[in-house]
Structures are given as structure tokens and as C-alpha cells.
């Protein structure tokens, strides 16, 4: 079911740019159209200015004209059950519902599946802006 997302996230993780943390992360999202977008973390010498894998994947989706996320998968070869950071949870919430599945993975596959609402129970929504 999420094998295609896992393959896309792994491919993105292999291309990430993480020379400072040495902690590659890949993410893949499935849009409402069914198309998969992936991204890897992209670090910068000014560390807070880098991009997380989820942010990269969202940017690819938006630049392709999509605006709704149906499913998310995040993978790291160095941490079991990697989760999106707080900022990425809020970024995902901009384009996904609280019932959107988020698959947390290690290098071998899905370890746990939660909803975005589980990960971000009191996030901001568009009505808060």
C-alpha cells in the first residue's frame, strides 16, 4: 500500500544534502491526484536555513499545481520511526487534514502509522491566520 511512497522517499534520501548533520532524511507525499512527490533534507552552513525533507516534497507538489496531501511517509536510515519536526507538522497541516495518514519508517519500512492529528493535535489552521 505505501511501498511506492517508501521507494520514492528512499530515493530522495539518497539524494539529500546533509554534510553537517550526516543525518539523511527522505519524505514522500501522495497528492489528491494520486501523484507522488518526494524530497530530501537540504542543509546549509547557516543551519536554521536548511530545508527538511517534508518541506522539499511539499514544494515540489505545490510547484506542480497540487494543494492537497492524502498520505505522507518519512524515512531515515539512522533513526527508527522518524517523525516530522514540529515545523513540518504544521507545514503538512496546511495541505492535509487531521485524518491524513503519516507513515513513520526506518531503513526497512513502515514502523508505525499515525494520523497528522495524532502528531499535531492543536495545530494552527487556515481559520487562525
N, C-alpha and C. Protein backbone atom coordinates (compact mmCIF):
# COMPACT_ATOMS: atom_id res chain seq x y z
N UNK A 1 0.82 -1.19 0.00
CA UNK A 1 0.00 0.00 0.00
C UNK A 1 0.86 1.26 0.00
N UNK A 2 1.83 1.33 0.88
CA UNK A 2 2.72 2.50 0.91
C UNK A 2 4.09 2.19 0.32
N UNK A 3 4.21 1.06 -0.39
CA UNK A 3 5.50 0.68 -0.97
C UNK A 3 6.00 1.73 -1.96
N UNK A 4 5.10 2.31 -2.74
CA UNK A 4 5.52 3.32 -3.72
C UNK A 4 6.01 4.58 -3.01
N UNK A 5 5.38 4.96 -1.91
CA UNK A 5 5.85 6.10 -1.14
C UNK A 5 7.22 5.81 -0.52
N UNK A 6 7.38 4.59 0.01
CA UNK A 6 8.65 4.21 0.63
C UNK A 6 9.78 4.25 -0.40
N UNK A 7 9.53 3.74 -1.59
CA UNK A 7 10.55 3.77 -2.65
C UNK A 7 10.92 5.20 -3.03
N UNK A 8 9.92 6.06 -3.14
CA UNK A 8 10.18 7.46 -3.50
C UNK A 8 10.94 8.19 -2.40
N UNK A 9 10.58 7.94 -1.15
CA UNK A 9 11.27 8.59 -0.03
C UNK A 9 12.71 8.10 0.09
N UNK A 10 12.93 6.82 -0.13
CA UNK A 10 14.29 6.28 -0.09
C UNK A 10 15.15 6.88 -1.19
N UNK A 11 14.59 7.00 -2.38
CA UNK A 11 15.34 7.60 -3.50
C UNK A 11 15.69 9.05 -3.18
N UNK A 12 14.77 9.78 -2.57
CA UNK A 12 15.03 11.17 -2.19
C UNK A 12 16.09 11.24 -1.10
N UNK A 13 16.02 10.32 -0.13
CA UNK A 13 17.00 10.31 0.96
C UNK A 13 18.42 10.11 0.39
N UNK A 14 18.53 9.31 -0.65
CA UNK A 14 19.83 9.05 -1.26
C UNK A 14 20.41 10.31 -1.93
N UNK A 15 19.55 11.26 -2.27
CA UNK A 15 19.98 12.48 -2.96
C UNK A 15 20.09 13.69 -2.02
N UNK A 16 19.74 13.52 -0.75
CA UNK A 16 19.72 14.67 0.15
C UNK A 16 21.12 15.27 0.31
N UNK A 17 21.16 16.46 0.86
CA UNK A 17 22.42 17.17 1.08
C UNK A 17 22.53 17.42 2.58
N UNK A 18 23.26 16.53 3.27
CA UNK A 18 23.37 16.61 4.73
C UNK A 18 24.82 16.51 5.20
N UNK A 19 25.70 17.41 4.71
CA UNK A 19 27.11 17.30 5.07
C UNK A 19 27.40 17.69 6.53
N UNK A 20 26.51 18.41 7.17
CA UNK A 20 26.76 18.89 8.52
C UNK A 20 26.23 17.91 9.57
N UNK A 21 25.00 17.50 9.43
CA UNK A 21 24.41 16.59 10.41
C UNK A 21 24.74 15.13 10.12
N UNK A 22 25.03 14.83 8.86
CA UNK A 22 25.23 13.44 8.42
C UNK A 22 24.00 12.60 8.79
N UNK A 23 22.81 13.23 8.69
CA UNK A 23 21.54 12.60 9.05
C UNK A 23 20.56 12.75 7.88
N UNK A 24 20.70 11.89 6.88
CA UNK A 24 19.81 12.00 5.71
C UNK A 24 18.39 11.56 6.04
N UNK A 25 17.45 12.31 5.51
CA UNK A 25 16.02 12.03 5.68
C UNK A 25 15.35 12.15 4.32
N UNK A 26 14.41 11.26 4.06
CA UNK A 26 13.60 11.34 2.85
C UNK A 26 12.13 11.38 3.21
N UNK A 27 11.36 12.04 2.38
CA UNK A 27 9.92 12.10 2.59
C UNK A 27 9.23 11.95 1.25
N UNK A 28 8.03 11.40 1.28
CA UNK A 28 7.20 11.31 0.07
C UNK A 28 5.77 11.59 0.48
N UNK A 29 5.07 12.30 -0.39
CA UNK A 29 3.67 12.60 -0.15
C UNK A 29 2.86 12.22 -1.38
N UNK A 30 1.66 11.75 -1.13
CA UNK A 30 0.73 11.45 -2.21
C UNK A 30 -0.31 12.57 -2.24
N UNK A 31 -0.46 13.20 -3.39
CA UNK A 31 -1.41 14.29 -3.52
C UNK A 31 -2.80 13.73 -3.86
N UNK A 32 -3.78 14.62 -3.88
CA UNK A 32 -5.15 14.22 -4.20
C UNK A 32 -5.25 13.63 -5.60
N UNK A 33 -4.35 14.01 -6.49
CA UNK A 33 -4.36 13.46 -7.85
C UNK A 33 -3.78 12.05 -7.90
N UNK A 34 -3.17 11.62 -6.78
CA UNK A 34 -2.52 10.31 -6.74
C UNK A 34 -1.04 10.37 -7.07
N UNK A 35 -0.57 11.53 -7.52
CA UNK A 35 0.84 11.67 -7.87
C UNK A 35 1.68 11.74 -6.60
N UNK A 36 2.88 11.19 -6.68
CA UNK A 36 3.80 11.17 -5.54
C UNK A 36 4.88 12.22 -5.75
N UNK A 37 5.15 12.96 -4.68
CA UNK A 37 6.22 13.97 -4.66
C UNK A 37 7.16 13.62 -3.53
N UNK A 38 8.45 13.73 -3.79
CA UNK A 38 9.41 13.37 -2.76
C UNK A 38 10.39 14.51 -2.53
N UNK A 39 11.08 14.41 -1.40
CA UNK A 39 12.09 15.41 -1.07
C UNK A 39 13.05 14.86 -0.04
N UNK A 40 14.24 15.42 -0.04
CA UNK A 40 15.25 15.08 0.95
C UNK A 40 15.67 16.33 1.68
N UNK A 41 16.23 16.16 2.88
CA UNK A 41 16.69 17.34 3.60
C UNK A 41 17.86 17.98 2.85
N UNK A 42 17.88 19.30 2.89
CA UNK A 42 18.92 20.08 2.21
C UNK A 42 19.47 21.06 3.23
N UNK A 43 20.65 20.78 3.73
CA UNK A 43 21.24 21.60 4.78
C UNK A 43 21.98 22.81 4.21
N UNK A 44 22.31 23.71 5.10
CA UNK A 44 23.00 24.94 4.76
C UNK A 44 23.97 25.23 5.90
N UNK A 45 25.10 25.85 5.60
CA UNK A 45 26.07 26.17 6.65
C UNK A 45 25.44 27.03 7.75
N UNK A 46 24.44 27.80 7.41
CA UNK A 46 23.66 28.54 8.40
C UNK A 46 22.48 27.65 8.76
N UNK A 47 22.72 26.71 9.68
CA UNK A 47 21.84 25.56 9.89
C UNK A 47 20.34 25.82 9.97
N UNK A 48 19.87 26.89 10.54
CA UNK A 48 18.41 27.01 10.54
C UNK A 48 17.82 27.32 9.17
N UNK A 49 18.67 27.60 8.21
CA UNK A 49 18.19 27.96 6.88
C UNK A 49 18.03 26.77 5.94
N UNK A 50 18.30 25.57 6.40
CA UNK A 50 18.13 24.39 5.56
C UNK A 50 16.66 24.03 5.40
N UNK A 51 16.42 23.05 4.54
CA UNK A 51 15.06 22.55 4.30
C UNK A 51 14.96 21.12 4.79
N UNK A 52 13.87 20.81 5.44
CA UNK A 52 13.58 19.43 5.82
C UNK A 52 13.07 18.67 4.60
N UNK A 53 13.10 17.37 4.67
CA UNK A 53 12.63 16.53 3.57
C UNK A 53 11.16 16.80 3.24
N UNK A 54 10.34 16.95 4.28
CA UNK A 54 8.92 17.19 4.06
C UNK A 54 8.68 18.52 3.34
N UNK A 55 9.45 19.53 3.73
CA UNK A 55 9.34 20.84 3.10
C UNK A 55 9.68 20.75 1.62
N UNK A 56 10.73 20.00 1.29
CA UNK A 56 11.12 19.81 -0.11
C UNK A 56 10.01 19.13 -0.90
N UNK A 57 9.42 18.09 -0.32
CA UNK A 57 8.35 17.36 -1.01
C UNK A 57 7.13 18.26 -1.22
N UNK A 58 6.77 19.03 -0.20
CA UNK A 58 5.63 19.94 -0.32
C UNK A 58 5.89 20.97 -1.42
N UNK A 59 7.10 21.50 -1.48
CA UNK A 59 7.44 22.49 -2.51
C UNK A 59 7.28 21.90 -3.90
N UNK A 60 7.73 20.67 -4.11
CA UNK A 60 7.56 20.02 -5.42
C UNK A 60 6.08 19.88 -5.76
N UNK A 61 5.27 19.50 -4.78
CA UNK A 61 3.84 19.33 -5.01
C UNK A 61 3.18 20.65 -5.40
N UNK A 62 3.46 21.70 -4.63
CA UNK A 62 2.85 22.99 -4.90
C UNK A 62 3.29 23.53 -6.26
N UNK A 63 4.56 23.38 -6.60
CA UNK A 63 5.05 23.88 -7.89
C UNK A 63 4.45 23.10 -9.07
N UNK A 64 3.90 21.92 -8.79
CA UNK A 64 3.23 21.14 -9.82
C UNK A 64 1.73 21.43 -9.86
N UNK A 65 1.29 22.39 -9.07
CA UNK A 65 -0.10 22.81 -9.11
C UNK A 65 -1.04 22.04 -8.20
N UNK A 66 -0.49 21.23 -7.31
CA UNK A 66 -1.31 20.45 -6.38
C UNK A 66 -1.39 21.18 -5.04
N UNK A 67 -2.45 20.91 -4.27
CA UNK A 67 -2.60 21.60 -2.99
C UNK A 67 -3.20 20.74 -1.89
N UNK A 68 -3.33 19.44 -2.12
CA UNK A 68 -3.90 18.58 -1.09
C UNK A 68 -3.06 17.32 -0.93
N UNK A 69 -2.69 17.02 0.31
CA UNK A 69 -1.92 15.83 0.64
C UNK A 69 -2.85 14.77 1.19
N UNK A 70 -2.77 13.56 0.63
CA UNK A 70 -3.58 12.45 1.12
C UNK A 70 -2.83 11.50 2.04
N UNK A 71 -1.50 11.44 1.88
CA UNK A 71 -0.70 10.47 2.63
C UNK A 71 0.74 10.95 2.67
N UNK A 72 1.44 10.66 3.78
CA UNK A 72 2.82 11.10 3.98
C UNK A 72 3.65 9.92 4.46
N UNK A 73 4.91 9.86 4.05
CA UNK A 73 5.84 8.86 4.56
C UNK A 73 7.19 9.53 4.78
N UNK A 74 7.80 9.27 5.93
CA UNK A 74 9.11 9.84 6.27
C UNK A 74 10.05 8.70 6.64
N UNK A 75 11.29 8.76 6.13
CA UNK A 75 12.25 7.68 6.38
C UNK A 75 13.63 8.25 6.69
N UNK A 76 14.33 7.56 7.57
CA UNK A 76 15.74 7.84 7.85
C UNK A 76 16.43 6.51 8.08
N UNK A 77 17.63 6.40 7.57
CA UNK A 77 18.38 5.16 7.79
C UNK A 77 19.05 5.15 9.16
N UNK A 78 19.06 6.29 9.85
CA UNK A 78 19.77 6.39 11.12
C UNK A 78 18.87 6.44 12.34
N UNK A 79 17.56 6.50 12.16
CA UNK A 79 16.66 6.57 13.31
C UNK A 79 15.40 5.77 13.01
N UNK A 80 15.06 4.90 13.90
CA UNK A 80 13.82 4.15 13.76
C UNK A 80 12.64 5.06 14.05
N UNK A 81 11.63 4.93 13.24
CA UNK A 81 10.37 5.66 13.44
C UNK A 81 10.58 7.17 13.45
N UNK A 82 11.26 7.66 12.45
CA UNK A 82 11.50 9.11 12.32
C UNK A 82 10.16 9.83 12.15
N UNK A 83 10.00 10.96 12.83
CA UNK A 83 8.77 11.75 12.71
C UNK A 83 9.10 13.11 12.12
N UNK A 84 8.12 13.75 11.50
CA UNK A 84 8.34 15.12 11.04
C UNK A 84 8.59 16.04 12.24
N UNK A 85 9.45 17.03 12.07
CA UNK A 85 9.68 18.01 13.13
C UNK A 85 8.41 18.86 13.31
N UNK A 86 8.39 19.67 14.34
CA UNK A 86 7.22 20.50 14.62
C UNK A 86 6.86 21.43 13.48
N UNK A 87 7.87 22.07 12.90
CA UNK A 87 7.60 22.97 11.78
C UNK A 87 7.00 22.25 10.59
N UNK A 88 7.51 21.06 10.31
CA UNK A 88 6.99 20.30 9.17
C UNK A 88 5.60 19.75 9.46
N UNK A 89 5.32 19.44 10.70
CA UNK A 89 3.95 19.02 11.04
C UNK A 89 2.97 20.13 10.69
N UNK A 90 3.35 21.37 11.02
CA UNK A 90 2.47 22.50 10.69
C UNK A 90 2.42 22.73 9.19
N UNK A 91 3.54 22.57 8.49
CA UNK A 91 3.54 22.73 7.03
C UNK A 91 2.65 21.67 6.38
N UNK A 92 2.72 20.44 6.86
CA UNK A 92 1.87 19.38 6.34
C UNK A 92 0.40 19.72 6.59
N UNK A 93 0.10 20.26 7.76
CA UNK A 93 -1.29 20.59 8.11
C UNK A 93 -1.87 21.66 7.19
N UNK A 94 -1.03 22.46 6.57
CA UNK A 94 -1.52 23.47 5.63
C UNK A 94 -2.18 22.82 4.42
N UNK A 95 -1.74 21.59 4.08
CA UNK A 95 -2.21 20.93 2.87
C UNK A 95 -2.88 19.58 3.13
N UNK A 96 -3.02 19.20 4.39
CA UNK A 96 -3.57 17.88 4.74
C UNK A 96 -4.56 18.01 5.89
N UNK A 97 -5.43 17.03 6.02
CA UNK A 97 -6.38 17.02 7.11
C UNK A 97 -5.83 16.29 8.32
N UNK A 98 -6.51 16.43 9.43
CA UNK A 98 -6.05 15.77 10.66
C UNK A 98 -6.11 14.26 10.56
N UNK A 99 -6.91 13.73 9.63
CA UNK A 99 -7.01 12.28 9.45
C UNK A 99 -6.02 11.73 8.42
N UNK A 100 -5.16 12.59 7.87
CA UNK A 100 -4.17 12.15 6.88
C UNK A 100 -3.18 11.19 7.53
N UNK A 101 -2.94 10.06 6.86
CA UNK A 101 -2.00 9.07 7.39
C UNK A 101 -0.57 9.55 7.23
N UNK A 102 0.21 9.35 8.29
CA UNK A 102 1.64 9.67 8.28
C UNK A 102 2.38 8.39 8.66
N UNK A 103 3.13 7.83 7.71
CA UNK A 103 3.87 6.59 7.93
C UNK A 103 5.28 6.93 8.42
N UNK A 104 5.62 6.41 9.57
CA UNK A 104 6.94 6.63 10.18
C UNK A 104 7.78 5.39 9.90
N UNK A 105 8.97 5.59 9.36
CA UNK A 105 9.76 4.47 8.86
C UNK A 105 11.18 4.45 9.40
N UNK A 106 11.78 3.27 9.29
CA UNK A 106 13.22 3.12 9.42
C UNK A 106 13.72 2.66 8.06
N UNK A 107 14.94 2.25 7.96
CA UNK A 107 15.51 1.87 6.67
C UNK A 107 14.84 0.65 6.03
N UNK A 108 14.09 -0.12 6.81
CA UNK A 108 13.47 -1.33 6.29
C UNK A 108 12.01 -1.18 5.92
N UNK A 109 11.36 -0.12 6.35
CA UNK A 109 9.96 0.07 6.01
C UNK A 109 9.17 0.75 7.11
N UNK A 110 7.87 0.69 6.97
CA UNK A 110 6.97 1.35 7.91
C UNK A 110 7.05 0.69 9.28
N UNK A 111 7.26 1.51 10.30
CA UNK A 111 7.31 1.04 11.68
C UNK A 111 5.99 1.34 12.38
N UNK A 112 5.41 2.50 12.06
CA UNK A 112 4.15 2.89 12.68
C UNK A 112 3.43 3.87 11.76
N UNK A 113 2.11 3.80 11.75
CA UNK A 113 1.29 4.76 11.02
C UNK A 113 0.39 5.49 12.00
N UNK A 114 0.47 6.81 11.95
CA UNK A 114 -0.35 7.68 12.78
C UNK A 114 -1.14 8.61 11.87
N UNK A 115 -1.98 9.43 12.45
CA UNK A 115 -2.61 10.49 11.67
C UNK A 115 -1.90 11.80 11.97
N UNK A 116 -2.08 12.75 11.09
CA UNK A 116 -1.49 14.07 11.32
C UNK A 116 -2.06 14.68 12.60
N UNK A 117 -3.32 14.40 12.88
CA UNK A 117 -3.93 14.88 14.11
C UNK A 117 -3.27 14.31 15.36
N UNK A 118 -2.79 13.05 15.27
CA UNK A 118 -2.04 12.47 16.38
C UNK A 118 -0.74 13.22 16.61
N UNK A 119 -0.08 13.59 15.51
CA UNK A 119 1.22 14.26 15.58
C UNK A 119 1.11 15.75 15.90
N UNK A 120 0.00 16.36 15.53
CA UNK A 120 -0.18 17.80 15.71
C UNK A 120 -1.61 18.05 16.21
N UNK A 121 -1.88 17.73 17.47
CA UNK A 121 -3.25 17.79 17.97
C UNK A 121 -3.85 19.19 18.10
N UNK A 122 -3.05 20.20 18.21
CA UNK A 122 -3.58 21.56 18.39
C UNK A 122 -2.88 22.53 17.46
N UNK A 123 -2.71 22.11 16.23
CA UNK A 123 -2.02 22.96 15.26
C UNK A 123 -2.87 24.13 14.78
N UNK A 124 -2.24 25.08 14.17
CA UNK A 124 -2.95 26.21 13.55
C UNK A 124 -3.65 25.71 12.31
N UNK A 125 -4.78 26.31 11.98
CA UNK A 125 -5.40 26.02 10.70
C UNK A 125 -5.64 27.33 9.96
N UNK A 126 -6.15 27.27 8.77
CA UNK A 126 -6.30 28.46 7.94
C UNK A 126 -7.20 29.50 8.59
N UNK A 127 -8.13 29.06 9.42
CA UNK A 127 -9.03 30.00 10.09
C UNK A 127 -8.30 30.83 11.15
N UNK A 128 -7.12 30.35 11.58
CA UNK A 128 -6.34 31.07 12.60
C UNK A 128 -5.52 32.20 12.01
N UNK A 129 -5.35 32.21 10.69
CA UNK A 129 -4.49 33.20 10.04
C UNK A 129 -5.14 34.55 9.94
